[in-house]
Protein backbone atom coordinates (compact mmCIF):
# COMPACT_ATOMS: atom_id res chain seq x y z
CA MET A 1 13.31 19.09 2.95
CA THR A 2 9.61 19.05 1.95
CA ALA A 3 5.97 20.90 1.05
CA GLN A 4 3.83 21.32 3.84
CA THR A 5 0.72 21.61 3.05
CA ILE A 6 -2.91 21.63 5.70
CA LEU A 7 -6.01 20.68 4.40
CA PHE A 8 -9.15 22.67 5.69
CA ASP A 9 -12.64 21.07 4.68
CA PHE A 10 -15.67 22.93 5.56
CA THR A 11 -19.63 22.10 4.67
CA VAL A 12 -22.31 25.48 5.53
CA ASP A 13 -26.03 25.52 4.08
CA SER A 14 -26.28 25.88 0.73
CA GLY A 15 -28.10 29.28 0.98
CA LYS A 16 -24.86 30.64 2.54
CA THR A 17 -23.09 29.88 -1.72
CA SER A 18 -25.60 29.54 -3.81
CA ASP A 19 -24.98 33.42 -5.71
CA SER A 20 -21.39 35.03 -6.22
CA LYS A 21 -22.22 37.23 -3.48
CA GLN A 22 -22.26 35.58 -0.93
CA ARG A 23 -19.22 33.74 -1.68
CA GLN A 24 -17.10 36.64 -2.30
CA GLU A 25 -18.77 37.26 2.04
CA ILE A 26 -17.32 33.99 3.20
CA ALA A 27 -14.05 34.53 0.76
CA LYS A 28 -13.59 37.69 3.19
CA VAL A 29 -13.86 36.17 6.23
CA VAL A 30 -11.73 32.81 5.27
CA ARG A 31 -9.34 35.83 5.05
CA GLY A 32 -9.42 37.63 7.58
CA GLU A 33 -9.02 34.85 10.16
CA VAL A 34 -5.93 33.33 7.70
CA GLU A 35 -4.49 37.08 8.43
CA ASN A 36 -4.50 36.67 11.58
CA VAL A 37 -2.40 33.77 11.21
CA PHE A 38 0.13 35.58 8.34
CA PRO A 39 -0.37 39.15 8.36
CA GLN A 40 1.26 40.15 5.14
CA ILE A 41 -1.37 37.85 3.35
CA GLU A 42 -2.04 39.51 0.28
CA LEU A 43 -4.42 38.41 -3.06
CA ALA A 44 -2.90 37.08 -5.76
CA TYR A 45 -5.55 36.04 -8.05
CA GLN A 46 -9.33 35.91 -7.67
CA MET A 47 -11.81 33.79 -10.32
CA SER A 48 -15.40 33.72 -10.02
CA MET A 49 -16.93 30.65 -11.44
CA GLU A 50 -21.07 30.04 -12.23
CA ASP A 51 -21.02 27.81 -9.94
CA GLY A 52 -18.13 28.59 -7.60
CA PHE A 53 -15.07 30.83 -6.40
CA PHE A 54 -11.93 30.13 -6.20
CA CYS A 55 -8.84 32.42 -5.14
CA VAL A 56 -5.52 32.04 -4.07
CA LEU A 57 -3.62 34.49 -1.11
CA THR A 58 0.13 34.28 -1.35
CA GLU A 59 2.51 35.18 1.77
CA ASN A 60 6.25 37.33 0.83
CA LYS A 61 5.58 34.53 -2.33
CA GLU A 62 6.59 31.81 -0.39
CA THR A 63 2.85 30.48 1.97
CA MET A 64 -0.01 29.82 -0.29
CA VAL A 65 -3.18 29.56 0.29
CA THR A 66 -5.92 28.21 -1.83
CA LEU A 67 -9.42 28.46 -1.46
CA ARG A 68 -11.96 27.20 -3.24
CA ILE A 69 -15.31 27.81 -2.45
CA PHE A 70 -18.34 25.49 -4.13
CA GLN A 71 -21.82 26.43 -4.58
CA GLN A 72 -23.18 23.30 -3.43
CA GLY A 73 -22.39 24.88 0.23
CA LEU A 74 -18.95 23.15 0.11
CA VAL A 75 -15.46 25.22 1.30
CA THR A 76 -11.36 23.71 0.96
CA MET A 77 -8.91 25.75 1.85
CA ASN A 78 -4.98 24.32 1.25
CA ILE A 79 -2.23 26.62 3.12
CA GLU A 80 1.38 25.49 1.12
CA TYR A 81 5.07 25.93 2.26
CA TYR A 82 8.19 24.52 1.96
CA LEU A 83 10.14 23.75 4.80
CA GLU A 84 13.82 23.90 5.03
CA ASP A 85 14.89 20.75 7.72
CA GLY A 86 16.01 22.21 11.22
CA LYS A 87 13.06 24.86 11.01
CA GLU A 88 9.95 25.22 12.94
CA PRO A 89 6.75 24.29 10.26
CA LEU A 90 4.82 27.85 10.37
CA MET A 91 1.98 25.69 11.73
CA SER A 92 1.76 23.81 14.34
CA PHE A 93 -1.13 20.89 14.30
CA ASP A 94 -2.82 22.78 17.55
CA SER A 95 -2.71 26.26 15.44
CA SER A 96 -4.41 24.58 12.59
CA LYS A 97 -7.36 23.54 15.43
CA ARG A 98 -7.58 27.02 16.45
CA LEU A 99 -7.89 28.68 12.70
CA GLU A 100 -10.21 25.59 11.50
CA ASN A 101 -12.48 26.39 15.11
CA ASN A 102 -12.41 30.11 13.99
CA LEU A 103 -13.61 29.67 10.75
CA ALA A 104 -16.05 27.13 11.97
CA LYS A 105 -17.69 29.81 14.32
CA LYS A 106 -17.46 32.41 11.94
CA LEU A 107 -19.30 30.74 8.70
CA LYS A 108 -21.45 29.19 11.06
CA VAL A 109 -20.51 25.27 9.33
CA HIS A 110 -22.81 21.81 9.63
CA SER A 111 -18.84 19.93 9.91
CA GLY A 112 -15.49 21.03 9.43
CA GLN A 113 -12.03 19.19 9.72
CA VAL A 114 -8.69 20.19 9.35
CA LEU A 115 -6.19 17.32 8.21
CA PRO A 116 -2.46 16.64 10.37
CA THR A 117 -0.30 18.59 7.65
CA LEU A 118 0.96 16.84 4.24
CA LYS A 119 4.39 16.07 3.92
CA ARG A 120 5.62 15.92 0.88
CA GLY A 121 9.07 15.87 -0.18
CA ASP A 122 12.86 13.52 -1.15
CA VAL A 123 11.35 10.94 0.85
CA ALA A 124 7.82 9.08 0.37
CA ARG A 125 5.06 8.86 3.81
CA TYR A 126 2.42 7.80 2.70
CA PHE A 127 1.01 5.58 0.81
CA PRO A 128 -2.40 3.30 0.16
CA SER A 129 -4.32 0.58 2.13
CA SER A 130 -5.23 -2.50 -0.06
CA ASP A 131 -8.92 0.00 -0.62
CA GLU A 132 -7.30 2.36 -2.02
CA ARG A 133 -7.31 4.67 1.67
CA ILE A 134 -3.70 7.01 2.09
CA ILE A 135 -2.44 5.64 5.22
CA GLU A 136 1.04 7.82 6.79
CA TYR A 137 3.91 6.05 7.81
CA ASP A 138 6.68 7.35 10.34
CA ILE A 139 9.39 7.49 7.86
CA ASP A 140 12.19 8.68 8.15
CA ALA A 141 15.08 7.72 5.73
CA LEU A 142 15.13 6.57 2.17
CA VAL A 143 17.23 3.23 2.67
CA TYR A 144 18.03 2.15 -0.83
CA GLU A 145 15.51 3.02 -4.37
CA GLU A 146 15.83 1.32 -8.17
CA ARG A 147 13.99 0.45 -11.47
CA SER A 148 14.73 -3.00 -12.46
CA PRO A 149 12.81 -4.13 -15.56
CA PHE A 150 10.07 -5.32 -13.91
CA GLN A 151 9.16 -2.54 -10.96
CA LYS A 152 10.26 0.37 -9.16
CA ILE A 153 11.73 -1.22 -5.83
CA GLN A 154 12.54 1.09 -2.65
CA ILE A 155 13.73 0.30 0.93
CA LEU A 156 12.64 2.93 3.35
CA HIS A 157 12.95 3.09 7.27
CA SER A 158 9.91 3.12 9.40
CA LYS A 159 10.75 4.12 13.16
CA THR A 160 7.88 1.50 14.31
CA LEU A 161 7.78 -0.65 11.68
CA GLY A 162 11.85 -0.93 10.30
CA ASN A 163 12.85 -1.53 6.92
CA MET A 164 10.09 -1.85 4.78
CA LEU A 165 9.88 -3.21 1.24
CA ILE A 166 7.96 -1.09 -1.48
CA LEU A 167 7.56 -2.71 -5.23
CA ASP A 168 5.28 -0.19 -7.23
CA GLU A 169 5.01 2.27 -4.48
CA LEU A 170 3.17 -0.18 -2.51
CA GLN A 171 4.09 -2.45 1.59
CA ASN A 172 5.23 -5.21 0.31
CA ILE A 173 6.81 -6.55 3.75
CA ALA A 174 8.45 -5.18 6.42
CA GLU A 175 11.00 -6.19 9.65
CA SER A 176 7.69 -6.50 11.72
CA ASP A 177 5.48 -8.82 9.40
CA LEU A 178 6.74 -12.16 10.58
CA ILE A 179 2.65 -12.65 11.41
CA TYR A 180 2.20 -12.14 7.12
CA THR A 181 4.55 -15.00 6.52
CA GLU A 182 3.68 -17.05 9.49
CA THR A 183 -0.28 -16.46 8.22
CA LEU A 184 0.77 -17.59 4.95
CA MET A 185 2.48 -20.00 5.66
CA SER A 186 0.02 -21.43 8.54
CA ARG A 187 2.90 -22.22 10.43
CA GLY A 188 1.39 -24.56 13.34
CA THR A 189 -1.24 -26.33 11.28
CA GLU A 190 0.41 -27.27 8.19
CA ASN A 191 3.30 -29.98 8.62
CA TYR A 192 5.96 -28.85 6.00
CA GLU A 193 9.17 -31.55 7.67
CA GLY A 194 9.45 -33.83 4.40
CA LYS A 195 7.67 -32.02 2.15
CA GLU A 196 8.44 -30.95 -1.14
CA ILE A 197 7.77 -27.39 -2.02
CA CYS A 198 7.27 -24.95 -4.58
CA ILE A 199 7.37 -21.20 -4.03
CA LEU A 200 6.40 -19.12 -6.86
CA GLY A 201 7.86 -15.17 -6.45
CA GLY A 202 8.86 -14.95 -2.26
CA GLY A 203 11.80 -12.32 -3.70
CA ASP A 204 12.14 -11.03 -0.29
CA GLY A 205 13.41 -14.21 1.07
CA ALA A 206 11.41 -14.21 4.38
CA LEU A 207 8.99 -17.15 3.09
CA LEU A 208 12.47 -19.04 2.20
CA TYR A 209 13.72 -18.98 5.69
CA GLU A 210 11.21 -19.43 7.40
CA LEU A 211 9.69 -22.62 5.63
CA LEU A 212 14.20 -23.87 6.05
CA LYS A 213 13.33 -23.79 9.69
CA GLU A 214 10.68 -26.32 9.69
CA LYS A 215 12.63 -29.16 7.83
CA PRO A 216 11.19 -30.04 4.48
CA LYS A 217 12.78 -32.20 2.68
CA PHE A 218 13.49 -29.57 -0.20
CA VAL A 219 11.78 -26.13 -1.34
CA VAL A 220 12.69 -24.52 -4.38
CA MET A 221 11.49 -20.95 -5.05
CA LEU A 222 11.32 -19.11 -8.47
CA GLU A 223 12.24 -15.58 -8.81
CA ILE A 224 12.34 -13.63 -11.49
CA ASP A 225 13.79 -9.63 -10.31
CA GLU A 226 17.83 -10.10 -8.80
CA LEU A 227 17.51 -6.73 -7.66
CA VAL A 228 14.54 -7.45 -5.63
CA MET A 229 16.75 -9.76 -3.56
CA GLN A 230 19.46 -8.42 -3.66
CA ALA A 231 17.84 -5.42 -2.22
CA CYS A 232 16.24 -7.40 0.26
CA ASN A 233 19.76 -9.83 1.37
CA LYS A 234 21.62 -6.67 1.85
CA TYR A 235 18.32 -4.38 3.92
CA LEU A 236 16.17 -6.79 4.88
CA ASN A 237 18.56 -9.94 5.99
CA THR A 238 16.59 -9.93 9.58
CA ILE A 239 13.50 -11.45 8.14
CA CYS A 240 15.27 -13.68 5.30
CA GLY A 241 18.90 -14.42 7.19
CA ASP A 242 21.17 -16.01 5.00
CA VAL A 243 19.52 -17.44 2.29
CA LEU A 244 19.43 -15.07 -0.30
CA GLU A 245 23.40 -14.54 -0.60
CA LYS A 246 23.59 -17.97 -0.69
CA ARG A 247 21.01 -18.96 -3.41
CA SER A 248 21.15 -22.91 -3.03
CA GLY A 249 21.53 -25.56 -0.11
CA ASP A 250 21.45 -28.92 0.57
CA ASN A 251 17.40 -28.47 0.74
CA TYR A 252 16.96 -25.49 -1.06
CA GLU A 253 16.92 -24.07 -4.17
CA ILE A 254 16.84 -20.23 -5.73
CA VAL A 255 15.69 -20.15 -9.40
CA VAL A 256 15.95 -16.33 -11.44
CA GLY A 257 13.98 -16.61 -13.83
CA ASP A 258 9.78 -16.44 -15.33
CA CYS A 259 8.04 -18.89 -13.06
CA VAL A 260 5.08 -19.79 -15.32
CA GLU A 261 8.06 -20.64 -17.83
CA TYR A 262 9.97 -23.12 -15.14
CA MET A 263 6.29 -24.66 -14.34
CA LYS A 264 5.62 -25.32 -17.51
CA LYS A 265 8.91 -27.51 -17.38
CA PHE A 266 7.90 -28.64 -13.85
CA ILE A 267 4.67 -30.38 -15.72
CA THR A 268 6.41 -31.69 -18.99
CA GLU A 269 8.89 -33.34 -16.39
CA GLY A 270 6.23 -34.78 -14.28
CA ARG A 271 7.86 -32.92 -11.24
CA LYS A 272 5.15 -32.92 -8.06
CA PHE A 273 5.35 -30.90 -4.98
CA ASP A 274 3.20 -31.02 -1.28
CA TYR A 275 3.00 -27.44 -1.29
CA VAL A 276 2.84 -24.54 -3.60
CA PHE A 277 2.94 -20.46 -2.90
CA GLY A 278 1.95 -18.04 -4.42
CA ASP A 279 3.49 -15.03 -2.75
CA LEU A 280 3.36 -12.98 -6.36
CA THR A 281 0.85 -9.94 -7.09
CA ASP A 282 -1.70 -9.15 -4.69
CA ILE A 283 -5.51 -10.13 -5.84
CA PRO A 284 -6.93 -6.90 -8.34
CA ILE A 285 -9.07 -4.20 -6.73
CA THR A 286 -11.31 -4.19 -9.67
CA GLY A 287 -15.04 -4.75 -10.63
CA ALA A 288 -14.60 -8.10 -13.15
CA PRO A 289 -12.48 -10.19 -13.53
CA VAL A 290 -10.52 -9.27 -16.72
CA GLY A 291 -7.53 -7.87 -17.71
CA GLU A 292 -3.35 -9.32 -18.10
CA ILE A 293 -3.33 -10.01 -14.22
CA TRP A 294 -6.80 -11.53 -13.86
CA ASP A 295 -5.06 -13.84 -16.67
CA PHE A 296 -2.20 -14.30 -14.91
CA ILE A 297 -3.52 -14.99 -11.31
CA ARG A 298 -5.46 -17.77 -13.50
CA THR A 299 -2.03 -18.82 -14.95
CA ILE A 300 -0.76 -18.96 -12.30
CA LEU A 301 -3.60 -21.89 -10.35
CA GLU A 302 -4.49 -23.83 -13.02
CA HIS A 303 -0.53 -24.62 -13.52
CA SER A 304 -0.01 -24.94 -9.77
CA PHE A 305 -2.63 -27.47 -9.40
CA LYS A 306 -0.43 -29.99 -12.26
CA ILE A 307 2.31 -29.17 -10.03
CA LEU A 308 0.54 -30.57 -7.14
CA LYS A 309 0.72 -34.15 -6.08
CA PRO A 310 -2.64 -35.38 -5.14
CA ASP A 311 -3.01 -34.08 -1.30
CA GLY A 312 -1.38 -31.33 -1.74
CA LYS A 313 -2.31 -27.88 -1.59
CA TYR A 314 -1.84 -24.62 -2.91
CA LEU A 315 -1.52 -21.42 -0.48
CA THR A 316 -1.75 -17.65 -1.46
CA HIS A 317 -2.44 -14.23 -0.31
CA GLY A 318 -5.39 -12.70 -0.69
CA ASN A 319 -5.64 -9.06 -0.47
CA GLY A 320 -7.28 -6.93 2.54
CA THR A 321 -10.23 -8.26 4.22
CA ALA A 322 -12.10 -4.58 3.44
CA CYS A 323 -11.69 -5.69 -0.12
CA THR A 324 -14.97 -8.30 -0.06
CA GLU A 325 -16.13 -8.07 -4.26
CA SER A 326 -11.99 -8.04 -5.49
CA LEU A 327 -11.59 -11.31 -2.46
CA GLU A 328 -15.01 -12.55 -3.85
CA LEU A 329 -14.20 -12.87 -7.41
CA PHE A 330 -10.70 -14.74 -6.98
CA GLU A 331 -13.14 -17.12 -4.98
CA ASP A 332 -14.94 -17.62 -8.13
CA GLN A 333 -12.20 -17.97 -10.40
CA LEU A 334 -11.16 -20.82 -7.18
CA ARG A 335 -15.05 -22.24 -7.48
CA LEU A 336 -14.33 -22.39 -11.34
CA LEU A 337 -11.25 -25.05 -11.17
CA ARG A 338 -10.81 -27.99 -12.88
CA PRO A 339 -10.84 -30.88 -10.84
CA LYS A 340 -13.00 -28.92 -8.23
CA VAL A 341 -10.53 -27.67 -5.06
CA LYS A 342 -11.81 -26.79 -1.91
CA PHE A 343 -10.69 -23.66 0.23
CA THR A 344 -10.20 -22.41 3.55
CA THR A 345 -8.92 -18.83 4.91
CA SER A 346 -6.85 -17.50 7.80
CA LYS A 347 -6.80 -13.88 8.80
CA ALA A 348 -4.02 -11.32 10.64
CA PHE A 349 -3.59 -8.18 11.35
CA VAL A 350 0.09 -7.16 9.57
CA PRO A 351 1.88 -4.87 10.94
CA SER A 352 2.95 -2.64 7.92
CA PHE A 353 -0.23 -2.75 6.05
CA MET A 354 -1.84 -1.67 9.04
CA GLU A 355 -4.99 -3.41 7.93
CA GLU A 356 -6.25 -6.98 8.22
CA TRP A 357 -5.20 -9.63 5.90
CA LEU A 358 -7.06 -12.45 4.23
CA PHE A 359 -4.81 -15.71 3.13
CA TYR A 360 -5.71 -18.69 1.50
CA GLN A 361 -5.48 -22.57 1.98
CA VAL A 362 -6.63 -24.33 -1.30
CA SER A 363 -6.14 -28.22 -2.47
CA LEU A 364 -8.53 -30.79 -4.64
CA ALA A 365 -12.25 -31.50 -3.60
């Protein structure tokens, strides 16, 4: 069951929308074309404004059409109706394009566009890219949803990507995303055999599962959210194997708790690692490195280098390569670290993110 929403946008010469009479003429043309699709459409409400016009048309009180005309020459129209499961939609993309084409001709527009139908209901289909563009996924089922003390946890099924972990409405990993984990760990470049490793976060278990294939001496994973691990163990075991089920083995241990507190404990004990992975929050999309998340990132960086061996490395994910400003802010934070560090980067197109992602490899200079 979904609400179907079809969005139309047109730009016309602003001289055609500069006064109330001209805007009424445009509304008349639009209504005439809409009536060809919905013959029983009726005017439910209209309002003239100093800088534009707005009206609502309805058919049988089920289909609603809203029209907005801006005096600057922008015309927007939304068609919305409820679609029961198993029923055919009232408008296909082809019929929507025909309506858009007819309106473009009648209004003599500069530009026009109709978007594919937005479907909103009991299954989420739309998630943001790293730079906050809308991405539509082929989601066909909500597999799991709970709220932990830390975040909203969802696992959704995509026809092409498999099961996807969504945390607080953001894509985290899917069954299709081995490239994400391999790029994070620089597989083929770094040698993990016989090494001691600390994973900060990593609750989906994918990084731990892949690292164990490299025959490390020991891996400790610090994850705060028990519910994330339970969900991924049940619904994403194709990427995490049985590590979230067993929780420990001859060469690994999963600790449930605050990674910062455990890092402080390691510092006190003098425990050192060859590699520390920051598999935690993404770099924030902000104009300046201020706020709670940036403070957290700085804490993680400072503590990580206190538990790394002198020749150790800190590896982490950054954000989408389109987020250049935020990535530069993160690199500025790396340059401020003392002792000084050096870093390299790598990139990978991550299927469930539907964009290229940047990863960092940081070591003492």
